[in-house]
Amino acid sequence: ELCVTDEYLEQLASKPQLEEKEEQLVRDLIAYYLTQMGKNDETDSGTVREAQLYSRLGLCYAGLGQDKPAEEFFIRAVALYSRVLEAPERLRAQARIHYHLGGLFAAQRRLAEAETEYTRALNLQERLVKEQPEVLNNIINYRDTARELCLMYLRQGRIAEIVSVVKRIQDVLTYLADKGINASYIRELQRIVNEFRRWLGSPFHPYYQQDPST
């Protein structure tokens, strides 16, 4: 049975090494998805289905450690998503592809390109958090992208950029508070801010020596 979720494919793509059964499943999925390419019509819904297909192929190739085809299919997926209406679910999918491209480039030490892709993802996800704060995945995806981007900055010693992301998240938290939105999962953003502040303790930036809870 070749019915798998995007979340499961993301899990496989993030694993350092696939188990034998997982690798065979991914190869079977690639073979199947390749037979489906070009079968969708040119309506918005057909374009979205084709973009989803390319995105899944990107994840599959990433899971096999084949960076070049993974990159190519992710880029093709982004190009298709950019042609359709900006419905939230499509923006969410496009942002997630930028996130995966960022990870792909970071692993290859293509850091400038990784920064570009992570930033593109963060911009879209921040918009979605403000427009649909009730959707948990919006919060989680925004948090994850911010964390990966700041980890990359930390390894490069780019403290000012981490401070900028922290302030950006704080602005989002203020925006949500002003709107009276105080769901428990919003605290995920405050937790990541506190984590960043711990990174930026006395060895890095004196501004963040203050109590993380403030």
N, C-alpha and C. Protein backbone atom coordinates (compact mmCIF):
# COMPACT_ATOMS: atom_id res chain seq x y z
N GLU A 1 0.86 -1.19 0.00
CA GLU A 1 0.00 0.00 0.00
C GLU A 1 0.89 1.24 0.00
N LEU A 2 0.66 2.13 -0.95
CA LEU A 2 1.51 3.30 -1.10
C LEU A 2 0.86 4.56 -0.57
N CYS A 3 -0.10 4.41 0.31
CA CYS A 3 -0.77 5.58 0.89
C CYS A 3 -0.03 6.00 2.15
N VAL A 4 0.71 7.10 2.07
CA VAL A 4 1.45 7.62 3.22
C VAL A 4 1.16 9.11 3.34
N THR A 5 1.39 9.66 4.51
CA THR A 5 1.15 11.08 4.75
C THR A 5 2.41 11.89 4.49
N ASP A 6 2.21 13.18 4.28
CA ASP A 6 3.36 14.08 4.14
C ASP A 6 4.19 14.07 5.42
N GLU A 7 3.51 13.99 6.58
CA GLU A 7 4.23 14.00 7.86
C GLU A 7 5.16 12.80 7.96
N TYR A 8 4.68 11.64 7.50
CA TYR A 8 5.52 10.44 7.54
C TYR A 8 6.71 10.58 6.60
N LEU A 9 6.48 11.13 5.42
CA LEU A 9 7.59 11.35 4.49
C LEU A 9 8.61 12.32 5.06
N GLU A 10 8.13 13.35 5.77
CA GLU A 10 9.05 14.30 6.40
C GLU A 10 9.90 13.59 7.45
N GLN A 11 9.29 12.69 8.20
CA GLN A 11 10.04 11.93 9.20
C GLN A 11 11.13 11.10 8.53
N LEU A 12 10.78 10.44 7.43
CA LEU A 12 11.77 9.63 6.72
C LEU A 12 12.89 10.50 6.16
N ALA A 13 12.51 11.66 5.61
CA ALA A 13 13.51 12.54 5.00
C ALA A 13 14.50 13.08 6.03
N SER A 14 14.07 13.17 7.29
CA SER A 14 14.93 13.74 8.33
C SER A 14 15.83 12.70 8.99
N LYS A 15 15.63 11.42 8.67
CA LYS A 15 16.42 10.36 9.31
C LYS A 15 17.82 10.29 8.68
N PRO A 16 18.85 10.15 9.50
CA PRO A 16 20.21 10.01 8.95
C PRO A 16 20.37 8.77 8.07
N GLN A 17 19.68 7.69 8.43
CA GLN A 17 19.79 6.45 7.68
C GLN A 17 18.45 5.72 7.72
N LEU A 18 17.94 5.36 6.54
CA LEU A 18 16.69 4.62 6.49
C LEU A 18 16.94 3.14 6.76
N GLU A 19 15.97 2.50 7.38
CA GLU A 19 16.02 1.06 7.50
C GLU A 19 15.70 0.44 6.14
N GLU A 20 16.02 -0.83 5.99
CA GLU A 20 15.87 -1.48 4.68
C GLU A 20 14.43 -1.40 4.17
N LYS A 21 13.46 -1.67 5.05
CA LYS A 21 12.05 -1.61 4.63
C LYS A 21 11.64 -0.19 4.27
N GLU A 22 12.15 0.77 5.02
CA GLU A 22 11.82 2.17 4.73
C GLU A 22 12.40 2.60 3.39
N GLU A 23 13.63 2.19 3.14
CA GLU A 23 14.26 2.55 1.86
C GLU A 23 13.49 1.94 0.69
N GLN A 24 13.05 0.71 0.84
CA GLN A 24 12.29 0.07 -0.24
C GLN A 24 10.96 0.79 -0.45
N LEU A 25 10.32 1.17 0.63
CA LEU A 25 9.07 1.92 0.51
C LEU A 25 9.29 3.22 -0.24
N VAL A 26 10.35 3.94 0.10
CA VAL A 26 10.64 5.21 -0.56
C VAL A 26 10.91 4.99 -2.05
N ARG A 27 11.64 3.95 -2.38
CA ARG A 27 11.92 3.69 -3.80
C ARG A 27 10.62 3.32 -4.54
N ASP A 28 9.75 2.57 -3.89
CA ASP A 28 8.46 2.23 -4.50
C ASP A 28 7.61 3.49 -4.70
N LEU A 29 7.66 4.39 -3.72
CA LEU A 29 6.91 5.65 -3.84
C LEU A 29 7.42 6.48 -4.99
N ILE A 30 8.73 6.58 -5.11
CA ILE A 30 9.31 7.34 -6.22
C ILE A 30 8.85 6.78 -7.56
N ALA A 31 8.93 5.47 -7.68
CA ALA A 31 8.51 4.84 -8.94
C ALA A 31 7.05 5.15 -9.25
N TYR A 32 6.21 5.11 -8.22
CA TYR A 32 4.79 5.39 -8.42
C TYR A 32 4.55 6.86 -8.76
N TYR A 33 5.17 7.76 -7.97
CA TYR A 33 4.94 9.19 -8.19
C TYR A 33 5.41 9.62 -9.58
N LEU A 34 6.50 9.03 -10.05
CA LEU A 34 6.99 9.39 -11.38
C LEU A 34 6.00 9.02 -12.47
N THR A 35 5.22 7.96 -12.24
CA THR A 35 4.22 7.58 -13.24
C THR A 35 3.03 8.54 -13.23
N GLN A 36 2.88 9.31 -12.15
CA GLN A 36 1.73 10.21 -12.03
C GLN A 36 2.03 11.63 -12.51
N MET A 37 3.29 11.91 -12.80
CA MET A 37 3.65 13.25 -13.22
C MET A 37 2.97 13.63 -14.54
N GLY A 38 2.45 14.85 -14.59
CA GLY A 38 1.85 15.36 -15.81
C GLY A 38 0.44 14.90 -16.07
N LYS A 39 -0.16 14.16 -15.14
CA LYS A 39 -1.51 13.65 -15.35
C LYS A 39 -2.59 14.61 -14.84
N ASN A 40 -2.17 15.66 -14.12
CA ASN A 40 -3.15 16.60 -13.57
C ASN A 40 -3.44 17.71 -14.57
N ASP A 41 -4.67 18.23 -14.52
CA ASP A 41 -5.04 19.30 -15.44
C ASP A 41 -4.44 20.62 -14.97
N GLU A 42 -4.69 21.69 -15.72
CA GLU A 42 -4.06 22.98 -15.44
C GLU A 42 -4.97 23.90 -14.62
N THR A 43 -6.02 23.36 -14.02
CA THR A 43 -6.81 24.15 -13.09
C THR A 43 -6.00 24.36 -11.81
N ASP A 44 -6.50 25.26 -10.95
CA ASP A 44 -5.80 25.49 -9.68
C ASP A 44 -5.66 24.19 -8.88
N SER A 45 -6.75 23.42 -8.82
CA SER A 45 -6.69 22.18 -8.04
C SER A 45 -5.72 21.18 -8.66
N GLY A 46 -5.69 21.12 -9.99
CA GLY A 46 -4.75 20.23 -10.66
C GLY A 46 -3.31 20.67 -10.45
N THR A 47 -3.09 21.98 -10.47
CA THR A 47 -1.74 22.51 -10.23
C THR A 47 -1.29 22.19 -8.82
N VAL A 48 -2.20 22.29 -7.86
CA VAL A 48 -1.87 21.96 -6.47
C VAL A 48 -1.51 20.49 -6.34
N ARG A 49 -2.27 19.63 -6.99
CA ARG A 49 -1.97 18.19 -6.93
C ARG A 49 -0.60 17.89 -7.52
N GLU A 50 -0.27 18.57 -8.63
CA GLU A 50 1.04 18.37 -9.24
C GLU A 50 2.15 18.88 -8.32
N ALA A 51 1.90 20.02 -7.67
CA ALA A 51 2.89 20.57 -6.73
C ALA A 51 3.08 19.62 -5.55
N GLN A 52 2.00 19.05 -5.06
CA GLN A 52 2.11 18.09 -3.96
C GLN A 52 2.92 16.87 -4.39
N LEU A 53 2.73 16.46 -5.63
CA LEU A 53 3.48 15.32 -6.16
C LEU A 53 4.98 15.63 -6.19
N TYR A 54 5.33 16.81 -6.68
CA TYR A 54 6.74 17.20 -6.73
C TYR A 54 7.32 17.31 -5.33
N SER A 55 6.54 17.86 -4.40
CA SER A 55 7.00 17.98 -3.02
C SER A 55 7.30 16.62 -2.42
N ARG A 56 6.41 15.67 -2.67
CA ARG A 56 6.62 14.32 -2.13
C ARG A 56 7.84 13.65 -2.78
N LEU A 57 8.03 13.88 -4.05
CA LEU A 57 9.24 13.34 -4.69
C LEU A 57 10.49 13.96 -4.08
N GLY A 58 10.43 15.26 -3.77
CA GLY A 58 11.56 15.90 -3.12
C GLY A 58 11.87 15.26 -1.77
N LEU A 59 10.83 15.00 -0.99
CA LEU A 59 11.02 14.36 0.31
C LEU A 59 11.59 12.95 0.16
N CYS A 60 11.09 12.22 -0.83
CA CYS A 60 11.57 10.86 -1.05
C CYS A 60 13.06 10.85 -1.41
N TYR A 61 13.44 11.70 -2.34
CA TYR A 61 14.85 11.74 -2.72
C TYR A 61 15.72 12.24 -1.57
N ALA A 62 15.20 13.18 -0.79
CA ALA A 62 15.95 13.63 0.39
C ALA A 62 16.16 12.48 1.36
N GLY A 63 15.14 11.64 1.52
CA GLY A 63 15.26 10.49 2.41
C GLY A 63 16.33 9.51 1.96
N LEU A 64 16.55 9.44 0.65
CA LEU A 64 17.59 8.56 0.10
C LEU A 64 18.96 9.24 0.07
N GLY A 65 19.01 10.50 0.49
CA GLY A 65 20.27 11.23 0.45
C GLY A 65 20.65 11.71 -0.93
N GLN A 66 19.69 11.75 -1.84
CA GLN A 66 19.95 12.20 -3.21
C GLN A 66 19.55 13.67 -3.32
N ASP A 67 20.50 14.53 -2.98
CA ASP A 67 20.21 15.95 -2.82
C ASP A 67 19.82 16.65 -4.12
N LYS A 68 20.46 16.29 -5.21
CA LYS A 68 20.20 17.01 -6.48
C LYS A 68 18.76 16.85 -6.95
N PRO A 69 18.24 15.60 -7.09
CA PRO A 69 16.83 15.49 -7.50
C PRO A 69 15.88 16.03 -6.44
N ALA A 70 16.24 15.91 -5.15
CA ALA A 70 15.39 16.47 -4.09
C ALA A 70 15.25 17.97 -4.29
N GLU A 71 16.36 18.64 -4.50
CA GLU A 71 16.34 20.09 -4.73
C GLU A 71 15.51 20.45 -5.97
N GLU A 72 15.71 19.71 -7.04
CA GLU A 72 15.01 20.01 -8.28
C GLU A 72 13.49 19.89 -8.11
N PHE A 73 13.05 18.85 -7.43
CA PHE A 73 11.60 18.67 -7.27
C PHE A 73 11.02 19.68 -6.28
N PHE A 74 11.75 20.02 -5.24
CA PHE A 74 11.27 21.06 -4.32
C PHE A 74 11.10 22.39 -5.05
N ILE A 75 12.07 22.74 -5.87
CA ILE A 75 12.00 24.01 -6.60
C ILE A 75 10.84 24.00 -7.59
N ARG A 76 10.61 22.88 -8.24
CA ARG A 76 9.48 22.78 -9.16
C ARG A 76 8.15 22.90 -8.40
N ALA A 77 8.10 22.33 -7.22
CA ALA A 77 6.88 22.43 -6.40
C ALA A 77 6.61 23.87 -6.00
N VAL A 78 7.64 24.59 -5.58
CA VAL A 78 7.47 26.00 -5.20
C VAL A 78 6.97 26.81 -6.39
N ALA A 79 7.53 26.55 -7.57
CA ALA A 79 7.12 27.29 -8.77
C ALA A 79 5.64 27.07 -9.07
N LEU A 80 5.17 25.84 -8.89
CA LEU A 80 3.75 25.56 -9.14
C LEU A 80 2.86 26.22 -8.09
N TYR A 81 3.25 26.13 -6.83
CA TYR A 81 2.44 26.75 -5.78
C TYR A 81 2.32 28.26 -5.99
N SER A 82 3.35 28.88 -6.53
CA SER A 82 3.33 30.33 -6.74
C SER A 82 2.34 30.74 -7.82
N ARG A 83 1.85 29.77 -8.60
CA ARG A 83 0.92 30.08 -9.69
C ARG A 83 -0.54 30.03 -9.27
N VAL A 84 -0.81 29.50 -8.08
CA VAL A 84 -2.20 29.32 -7.67
C VAL A 84 -2.58 30.34 -6.61
N LEU A 85 -3.88 30.41 -6.32
CA LEU A 85 -4.38 31.35 -5.35
C LEU A 85 -3.76 31.11 -3.99
N GLU A 86 -3.64 32.18 -3.19
CA GLU A 86 -2.94 32.10 -1.92
C GLU A 86 -3.85 31.64 -0.79
N ALA A 87 -4.42 30.48 -0.94
CA ALA A 87 -5.18 29.90 0.16
C ALA A 87 -4.22 29.48 1.26
N PRO A 88 -4.66 29.54 2.52
CA PRO A 88 -3.74 29.23 3.63
C PRO A 88 -3.06 27.87 3.51
N GLU A 89 -3.81 26.84 3.11
CA GLU A 89 -3.19 25.52 3.05
C GLU A 89 -2.10 25.45 1.99
N ARG A 90 -2.24 26.27 0.94
CA ARG A 90 -1.21 26.28 -0.10
C ARG A 90 0.01 27.06 0.37
N LEU A 91 -0.22 28.16 1.06
CA LEU A 91 0.90 28.91 1.63
C LEU A 91 1.64 28.06 2.65
N ARG A 92 0.89 27.28 3.41
CA ARG A 92 1.50 26.41 4.43
C ARG A 92 2.40 25.37 3.75
N ALA A 93 1.91 24.79 2.66
CA ALA A 93 2.69 23.78 1.94
C ALA A 93 3.92 24.42 1.30
N GLN A 94 3.75 25.59 0.72
CA GLN A 94 4.88 26.27 0.08
C GLN A 94 5.94 26.63 1.11
N ALA A 95 5.51 27.12 2.26
CA ALA A 95 6.46 27.47 3.32
C ALA A 95 7.24 26.24 3.77
N ARG A 96 6.54 25.12 3.85
CA ARG A 96 7.21 23.90 4.30
C ARG A 96 8.26 23.45 3.30
N ILE A 97 8.02 23.67 2.01
CA ILE A 97 9.02 23.32 1.00
C ILE A 97 10.24 24.22 1.14
N HIS A 98 10.02 25.51 1.37
CA HIS A 98 11.16 26.41 1.60
C HIS A 98 11.96 25.93 2.81
N TYR A 99 11.26 25.48 3.84
CA TYR A 99 11.93 24.96 5.04
C TYR A 99 12.80 23.75 4.68
N HIS A 100 12.27 22.83 3.90
CA HIS A 100 13.04 21.65 3.51
C HIS A 100 14.24 22.03 2.63
N LEU A 101 14.04 22.98 1.74
CA LEU A 101 15.16 23.45 0.93
C LEU A 101 16.24 24.07 1.81
N GLY A 102 15.82 24.82 2.84
CA GLY A 102 16.79 25.39 3.76
C GLY A 102 17.62 24.32 4.43
N GLY A 103 16.97 23.25 4.88
CA GLY A 103 17.69 22.16 5.50
C GLY A 103 18.63 21.45 4.53
N LEU A 104 18.16 21.29 3.30
CA LEU A 104 18.97 20.64 2.27
C LEU A 104 20.23 21.45 2.01
N PHE A 105 20.07 22.78 1.85
CA PHE A 105 21.22 23.63 1.57
C PHE A 105 22.14 23.74 2.78
N ALA A 106 21.58 23.79 3.98
CA ALA A 106 22.41 23.88 5.18
C ALA A 106 23.30 22.65 5.31
N ALA A 107 22.75 21.47 5.01
CA ALA A 107 23.52 20.23 5.10
C ALA A 107 24.66 20.21 4.09
N GLN A 108 24.50 20.94 2.98
CA GLN A 108 25.53 21.01 1.95
C GLN A 108 26.47 22.20 2.16
N ARG A 109 26.28 22.92 3.27
CA ARG A 109 27.07 24.12 3.59
C ARG A 109 26.86 25.23 2.58
N ARG A 110 25.72 25.22 1.94
CA ARG A 110 25.33 26.33 1.05
C ARG A 110 24.53 27.31 1.91
N LEU A 111 25.24 27.98 2.78
CA LEU A 111 24.59 28.68 3.89
C LEU A 111 23.80 29.92 3.45
N ALA A 112 24.29 30.63 2.46
CA ALA A 112 23.55 31.80 1.98
C ALA A 112 22.20 31.38 1.39
N GLU A 113 22.22 30.28 0.63
CA GLU A 113 20.97 29.78 0.05
C GLU A 113 20.05 29.23 1.13
N ALA A 114 20.64 28.57 2.13
CA ALA A 114 19.84 28.06 3.24
C ALA A 114 19.16 29.20 3.98
N GLU A 115 19.90 30.27 4.21
CA GLU A 115 19.32 31.43 4.89
C GLU A 115 18.16 32.01 4.09
N THR A 116 18.32 32.10 2.78
CA THR A 116 17.25 32.62 1.92
C THR A 116 15.99 31.77 2.04
N GLU A 117 16.16 30.45 1.99
CA GLU A 117 14.99 29.56 2.03
C GLU A 117 14.34 29.56 3.40
N TYR A 118 15.13 29.52 4.46
CA TYR A 118 14.55 29.58 5.80
C TYR A 118 13.80 30.90 6.00
N THR A 119 14.36 31.99 5.49
CA THR A 119 13.71 33.30 5.65
C THR A 119 12.41 33.35 4.87
N ARG A 120 12.39 32.79 3.68
CA ARG A 120 11.15 32.73 2.90
C ARG A 120 10.09 31.94 3.65
N ALA A 121 10.50 30.80 4.23
CA ALA A 121 9.56 30.01 5.02
C ALA A 121 9.05 30.79 6.21
N LEU A 122 9.96 31.47 6.90
CA LEU A 122 9.57 32.21 8.10
C LEU A 122 8.59 33.33 7.76
N ASN A 123 8.82 34.01 6.65
CA ASN A 123 7.91 35.10 6.25
C ASN A 123 6.49 34.59 6.02
N LEU A 124 6.37 33.48 5.28
CA LEU A 124 5.06 32.90 5.02
C LEU A 124 4.41 32.38 6.31
N GLN A 125 5.20 31.73 7.14
CA GLN A 125 4.66 31.15 8.36
C GLN A 125 4.24 32.22 9.36
N GLU A 126 4.98 33.31 9.39
CA GLU A 126 4.58 34.42 10.27
C GLU A 126 3.23 34.99 9.82
N ARG A 127 3.06 35.13 8.54
CA ARG A 127 1.78 35.60 8.01
C ARG A 127 0.65 34.66 8.41
N LEU A 128 0.90 33.35 8.30
CA LEU A 128 -0.13 32.37 8.64
C LEU A 128 -0.45 32.39 10.14
N VAL A 129 0.58 32.56 10.98
CA VAL A 129 0.34 32.65 12.42
C VAL A 129 -0.58 33.82 12.74
N LYS A 130 -0.37 34.94 12.08
CA LYS A 130 -1.20 36.12 12.35
C LYS A 130 -2.61 35.95 11.79
N GLU A 131 -2.72 35.30 10.63
CA GLU A 131 -4.03 35.15 10.00
C GLU A 131 -4.84 34.00 10.59
N GLN A 132 -4.14 32.94 11.01
CA GLN A 132 -4.82 31.75 11.55
C GLN A 132 -4.10 31.25 12.81
N PRO A 133 -4.10 32.04 13.86
CA PRO A 133 -3.40 31.61 15.09
C PRO A 133 -4.03 30.40 15.75
N GLU A 134 -5.27 30.08 15.36
CA GLU A 134 -5.95 28.93 15.96
C GLU A 134 -5.46 27.60 15.37
N VAL A 135 -4.68 27.65 14.29
CA VAL A 135 -4.18 26.43 13.66
C VAL A 135 -2.82 26.08 14.28
N LEU A 136 -2.79 24.98 15.01
CA LEU A 136 -1.59 24.59 15.74
C LEU A 136 -0.38 24.44 14.83
N ASN A 137 -0.57 23.83 13.65
CA ASN A 137 0.57 23.62 12.75
C ASN A 137 1.24 24.92 12.33
N ASN A 138 0.48 26.00 12.25
CA ASN A 138 1.07 27.29 11.93
C ASN A 138 2.10 27.69 12.98
N ILE A 139 1.74 27.51 14.24
CA ILE A 139 2.62 27.86 15.35
C ILE A 139 3.85 26.95 15.34
N ILE A 140 3.62 25.64 15.20
CA ILE A 140 4.72 24.68 15.26
C ILE A 140 5.70 24.88 14.11
N ASN A 141 5.17 25.09 12.90
CA ASN A 141 6.05 25.27 11.75
C ASN A 141 6.87 26.56 11.87
N TYR A 142 6.24 27.63 12.35
CA TYR A 142 6.93 28.90 12.55
C TYR A 142 8.05 28.72 13.58
N ARG A 143 7.74 28.03 14.67
CA ARG A 143 8.73 27.77 15.71
C ARG A 143 9.91 26.97 15.15
N ASP A 144 9.60 25.89 14.40
CA ASP A 144 10.66 25.03 13.89
C ASP A 144 11.59 25.76 12.93
N THR A 145 11.01 26.58 12.06
CA THR A 145 11.84 27.32 11.10
C THR A 145 12.71 28.34 11.82
N ALA A 146 12.13 29.05 12.78
CA ALA A 146 12.91 30.03 13.54
C ALA A 146 14.08 29.36 14.24
N ARG A 147 13.83 28.17 14.78
CA ARG A 147 14.88 27.47 15.50
C ARG A 147 16.01 27.03 14.56
N GLU A 148 15.66 26.46 13.41
CA GLU A 148 16.71 26.02 12.49
C GLU A 148 17.52 27.19 11.95
N LEU A 149 16.83 28.29 11.65
CA LEU A 149 17.52 29.47 11.15
C LEU A 149 18.49 30.01 12.20
N CYS A 150 18.03 30.07 13.45
CA CYS A 150 18.88 30.61 14.52
C CYS A 150 20.01 29.65 14.88
N LEU A 151 19.79 28.35 14.79
CA LEU A 151 20.88 27.40 14.99
C LEU A 151 21.97 27.62 13.95
N MET A 152 21.57 27.87 12.72
CA MET A 152 22.54 28.14 11.68
C MET A 152 23.31 29.42 11.98
N TYR A 153 22.58 30.46 12.41
CA TYR A 153 23.24 31.71 12.78
C TYR A 153 24.20 31.49 13.94
N LEU A 154 23.79 30.69 14.93
CA LEU A 154 24.62 30.45 16.10
C LEU A 154 25.94 29.79 15.70
N ARG A 155 25.87 28.82 14.80
CA ARG A 155 27.10 28.14 14.36
C ARG A 155 28.03 29.09 13.61
N GLN A 156 27.44 30.14 13.02
CA GLN A 156 28.25 31.12 12.30
C GLN A 156 28.66 32.29 13.19
N GLY A 157 28.19 32.29 14.43
CA GLY A 157 28.49 33.39 15.33
C GLY A 157 27.77 34.69 14.99
N ARG A 158 26.65 34.56 14.32
CA ARG A 158 25.90 35.75 13.87
C ARG A 158 24.84 36.11 14.91
N ILE A 159 25.30 36.69 15.99
CA ILE A 159 24.45 36.94 17.13
C ILE A 159 23.39 38.00 16.84
N ALA A 160 23.76 39.03 16.10
CA ALA A 160 22.80 40.10 15.79
C ALA A 160 21.59 39.55 15.05
N GLU A 161 21.81 38.57 14.18
CA GLU A 161 20.70 38.00 13.42
C GLU A 161 19.78 37.19 14.34
N ILE A 162 20.37 36.50 15.31
CA ILE A 162 19.53 35.76 16.27
C ILE A 162 18.68 36.74 17.07
N VAL A 163 19.28 37.83 17.52
CA VAL A 163 18.54 38.85 18.25
C VAL A 163 17.39 39.38 17.41
N SER A 164 17.63 39.56 16.11
CA SER A 164 16.59 40.05 15.21
C SER A 164 15.42 39.08 15.13
N VAL A 165 15.71 37.78 15.04
CA VAL A 165 14.63 36.78 14.98
C VAL A 165 13.87 36.76 16.30
N VAL A 166 14.58 36.85 17.42
CA VAL A 166 13.93 36.88 18.73
C VAL A 166 12.96 38.05 18.82
N LYS A 167 13.40 39.21 18.41
CA LYS A 167 12.53 40.40 18.46
C LYS A 167 11.33 40.22 17.53
N ARG A 168 11.58 39.57 16.42
CA ARG A 168 10.49 39.33 15.46
C ARG A 168 9.42 38.45 16.08
N ILE A 169 9.82 37.39 16.76
CA ILE A 169 8.86 36.50 17.41
C ILE A 169 8.15 37.24 18.54
N GLN A 170 8.89 38.06 19.27
CA GLN A 170 8.26 38.84 20.33
C GLN A 170 7.19 39.77 19.78
N ASP A 171 7.44 40.34 18.61
CA ASP A 171 6.44 41.20 17.97
C ASP A 171 5.19 40.40 17.63
N VAL A 172 5.37 39.16 17.18
CA VAL A 172 4.22 38.30 16.88
C VAL A 172 3.44 38.00 18.16
N LEU A 173 4.15 37.70 19.23
CA LEU A 173 3.49 37.43 20.51
C LEU A 173 2.70 38.65 20.99
N THR A 174 3.27 39.83 20.82
CA THR A 174 2.57 41.06 21.19
C THR A 174 1.32 41.25 20.33
N TYR A 175 1.45 40.98 19.03
CA TYR A 175 0.31 41.09 18.11
C TYR A 175 -0.81 40.17 18.55
N LEU A 176 -0.48 38.92 18.88
CA LEU A 176 -1.50 37.95 19.28
C LEU A 176 -2.13 38.35 20.62
N ALA A 177 -1.31 38.85 21.53
CA ALA A 177 -1.85 39.29 22.82
C ALA A 177 -2.81 40.45 22.65
N ASP A 178 -2.45 41.38 21.77
CA ASP A 178 -3.33 42.54 21.52
C ASP A 178 -4.66 42.11 20.90
N LYS A 179 -4.64 40.97 20.19
CA LYS A 179 -5.87 40.44 19.60
C LYS A 179 -6.66 39.58 20.59
N GLY A 180 -6.13 39.46 21.81
CA GLY A 180 -6.80 38.66 22.83
C GLY A 180 -6.63 37.16 22.64
N ILE A 181 -5.62 36.76 21.87
CA ILE A 181 -5.38 35.35 21.59
C ILE A 181 -4.35 34.83 22.58
N ASN A 182 -4.77 33.89 23.41
CA ASN A 182 -3.89 33.41 24.47
C ASN A 182 -4.01 31.90 24.65
N ALA A 183 -4.17 31.17 23.55
CA ALA A 183 -4.27 29.71 23.62
C ALA A 183 -2.98 29.13 24.18
N SER A 184 -3.08 27.99 24.83
CA SER A 184 -1.92 27.41 25.50
C SER A 184 -0.77 27.12 24.54
N TYR A 185 -1.11 26.73 23.29
CA TYR A 185 -0.04 26.37 22.37
C TYR A 185 0.73 27.58 21.87
N ILE A 186 0.20 28.80 22.08
CA ILE A 186 0.95 30.00 21.74
C ILE A 186 2.24 30.05 22.56
N ARG A 187 2.21 29.40 23.72
CA ARG A 187 3.40 29.41 24.58
C ARG A 187 4.60 28.75 23.92
N GLU A 188 4.36 27.95 22.88
CA GLU A 188 5.48 27.36 22.15
C GLU A 188 6.41 28.44 21.62
N LEU A 189 5.84 29.56 21.21
CA LEU A 189 6.67 30.66 20.70
C LEU A 189 7.46 31.30 21.83
N GLN A 190 6.83 31.45 23.01
CA GLN A 190 7.55 32.03 24.14
C GLN A 190 8.68 31.10 24.58
N ARG A 191 8.44 29.79 24.50
CA ARG A 191 9.47 28.84 24.88
C ARG A 191 10.69 28.96 23.97
N ILE A 192 10.46 29.14 22.67
CA ILE A 192 11.59 29.23 21.77
C ILE A 192 12.33 30.54 21.98
N VAL A 193 11.61 31.61 22.32
CA VAL A 193 12.26 32.87 22.66
C VAL A 193 13.16 32.68 23.87
N ASN A 194 12.64 31.99 24.89
CA ASN A 194 13.44 31.75 26.09
C ASN A 194 14.67 30.90 25.78
N GLU A 195 14.50 29.93 24.87
CA GLU A 195 15.64 29.10 24.49
C GLU A 195 16.70 29.94 23.80
N PHE A 196 16.28 30.81 22.89
CA PHE A 196 17.23 31.67 22.20
C PHE A 196 17.95 32.57 23.19
N ARG A 197 17.23 33.07 24.16
CA ARG A 197 17.84 33.94 25.15
C ARG A 197 18.90 33.20 25.96
N ARG A 198 18.67 31.94 26.23
CA ARG A 198 19.68 31.16 26.94
C ARG A 198 20.94 31.00 26.08
N TRP A 199 20.73 30.80 24.77
CA TRP A 199 21.89 30.74 23.88
C TRP A 199 22.69 32.03 23.98
N LEU A 200 21.97 33.14 24.07
CA LEU A 200 22.60 34.46 24.02
C LEU A 200 22.91 34.98 25.41
N GLY A 201 23.39 34.10 26.25
CA GLY A 201 23.79 34.52 27.59
C GLY A 201 25.09 35.30 27.54
N SER A 202 25.74 35.43 28.66
CA SER A 202 26.91 36.30 28.77
C SER A 202 28.02 36.03 27.76
N PRO A 203 28.24 34.77 27.32
CA PRO A 203 29.32 34.60 26.33
C PRO A 203 29.00 35.25 24.99
N PHE A 204 27.71 35.58 24.75
CA PHE A 204 27.33 36.05 23.43
C PHE A 204 26.86 37.51 23.42
N HIS A 205 25.85 37.81 24.18
CA HIS A 205 25.23 39.12 24.03
C HIS A 205 24.69 39.60 25.38
N PRO A 206 25.26 40.66 25.94
CA PRO A 206 24.87 41.08 27.29
C PRO A 206 23.41 41.49 27.42
N TYR A 207 22.76 41.89 26.32
CA TYR A 207 21.36 42.31 26.41
C TYR A 207 20.49 41.19 26.93
N TYR A 208 20.88 39.94 26.57
CA TYR A 208 20.04 38.80 26.93
C TYR A 208 20.50 38.11 28.22
N GLN A 209 21.22 38.84 29.08
CA GLN A 209 21.53 38.33 30.41
C GLN A 209 20.35 38.49 31.36
N GLN A 210 19.33 39.21 30.91
CA GLN A 210 18.16 39.40 31.76
C GLN A 210 17.42 38.09 31.95
N ASP A 211 16.51 38.08 32.89
CA ASP A 211 15.71 36.90 33.21
C ASP A 211 14.92 36.49 31.98
N PRO A 212 15.06 35.24 31.49
CA PRO A 212 14.32 34.81 30.30
C PRO A 212 12.81 34.89 30.44
N SER A 213 12.32 34.92 31.64
CA SER A 213 10.87 34.95 31.81
C SER A 213 10.28 36.33 31.62
N THR A 214 11.15 37.34 31.50
CA THR A 214 10.64 38.72 31.35
C THR A 214 10.42 39.04 29.89
